[in-house]
Protein backbone atom coordinates (compact mmCIF):
# COMPACT_ATOMS: atom_id res chain seq x y z
CA MET A 1 -18.02 -60.25 -3.33
CA ILE A 2 -16.46 -58.38 -0.39
CA ARG A 3 -18.99 -55.55 -0.81
CA ARG A 4 -21.81 -58.06 -0.51
CA TRP A 5 -20.39 -59.38 2.80
CA ILE A 6 -19.94 -55.86 4.14
CA LEU A 7 -23.49 -55.02 3.17
CA LEU A 8 -24.83 -58.21 4.80
CA ALA A 9 -22.79 -57.56 7.96
CA ALA A 10 -24.09 -53.98 8.21
CA LEU A 11 -27.66 -55.18 7.69
CA ALA A 12 -27.25 -57.85 10.39
CA ILE A 13 -25.86 -55.29 12.86
CA ALA A 14 -28.68 -52.86 12.15
CA THR A 15 -31.26 -55.61 12.55
CA LEU A 16 -29.87 -56.79 15.89
CA ALA A 17 -29.30 -53.31 17.36
CA PRO A 18 -31.58 -52.58 20.31
CA VAL A 19 -34.50 -50.29 19.61
CA THR A 20 -35.06 -47.57 22.17
CA ALA A 21 -38.63 -46.53 22.57
CA ALA A 22 -39.55 -42.89 22.94
CA PRO A 23 -40.77 -42.03 26.43
CA ALA A 24 -44.53 -42.04 26.82
CA ARG A 25 -46.10 -38.61 26.73
CA ALA A 26 -46.95 -37.41 30.24
CA PRO A 27 -50.39 -36.03 31.06
CA SER A 28 -50.64 -32.26 31.02
CA LEU A 29 -50.08 -30.30 34.21
CA ASP A 30 -53.78 -29.42 34.55
CA ARG A 31 -54.51 -33.15 34.99
CA ILE A 32 -51.75 -33.55 37.61
CA LEU A 33 -52.51 -30.50 39.78
CA PRO A 34 -55.73 -31.84 41.36
CA ALA A 35 -53.80 -34.88 42.63
CA VAL A 36 -51.11 -32.57 44.08
CA ALA A 37 -53.79 -30.37 45.71
CA ARG A 38 -55.34 -33.44 47.39
CA GLN A 39 -51.99 -34.17 49.04
CA LEU A 40 -51.01 -30.62 50.03
CA ALA A 41 -53.15 -27.54 50.60
CA GLY A 42 -52.16 -24.47 48.67
CA THR A 43 -51.94 -23.03 45.19
CA LEU A 44 -49.68 -23.30 42.19
CA LEU A 45 -47.12 -20.49 41.70
CA ASP A 46 -45.06 -21.96 38.85
CA ALA A 47 -44.19 -25.27 37.21
CA ARG A 48 -41.82 -26.83 34.69
CA GLY A 49 -41.96 -30.08 32.86
CA PRO A 50 -42.49 -32.78 32.25
CA ILE A 51 -38.83 -33.50 32.89
CA THR A 52 -37.39 -36.95 32.16
CA SER A 53 -35.16 -38.33 34.93
CA PRO A 54 -32.06 -40.43 34.17
CA ASN A 55 -34.13 -43.51 35.08
CA GLY A 56 -36.62 -42.61 32.33
CA LYS A 57 -39.49 -41.51 34.59
CA GLN A 58 -41.12 -38.15 34.04
CA HIS A 59 -41.94 -35.55 36.69
CA TYR A 60 -43.01 -31.94 37.07
CA GLU A 61 -41.14 -29.43 39.21
CA ILE A 62 -43.73 -27.32 40.99
CA LYS A 63 -43.44 -24.10 42.99
CA TRP A 64 -46.29 -24.23 45.54
CA LEU A 65 -47.66 -21.64 47.98
CA THR A 66 -49.07 -23.07 51.22
CA PRO A 67 -51.99 -21.41 53.04
CA ASP A 68 -49.59 -20.12 55.72
CA GLY A 69 -47.49 -18.31 53.07
CA ARG A 70 -44.58 -20.74 52.73
CA VAL A 71 -43.18 -21.39 49.26
CA LEU A 72 -42.28 -25.02 48.57
CA TRP A 73 -40.51 -26.60 45.61
CA LEU A 74 -42.07 -29.99 44.87
CA SER A 75 -41.41 -32.76 42.42
CA ALA A 76 -44.54 -34.63 41.32
CA ASP A 77 -44.73 -37.82 39.28
CA ALA A 78 -45.97 -36.84 35.84
CA THR A 79 -48.33 -39.79 35.48
CA THR A 80 -49.89 -40.02 38.97
CA GLY A 81 -49.39 -36.59 40.50
CA THR A 82 -47.85 -38.17 43.58
CA ILE A 83 -45.45 -35.82 45.35
CA LEU A 84 -42.02 -37.41 45.20
CA PRO A 85 -39.69 -37.51 48.21
CA GLY A 86 -36.65 -35.34 48.29
């Protein structure tokens, strides 16, 4: 009898436990780069990602060469390509 209650309690806990969804898959970098290029002239040197932030949003870290020779490190939203502040 006690086993049955333990089993029912475990089943109830498992049923009520929150389900965490897997993060949506971000578009590939080749789809994001045109949006980055529209915001900032230059060319891609290197990139990593997509990286998932603690808040659950995904971004790419991009090393970018400007036409005047400066190297910039950018963070771009993985779904829109918008360059993120900071």
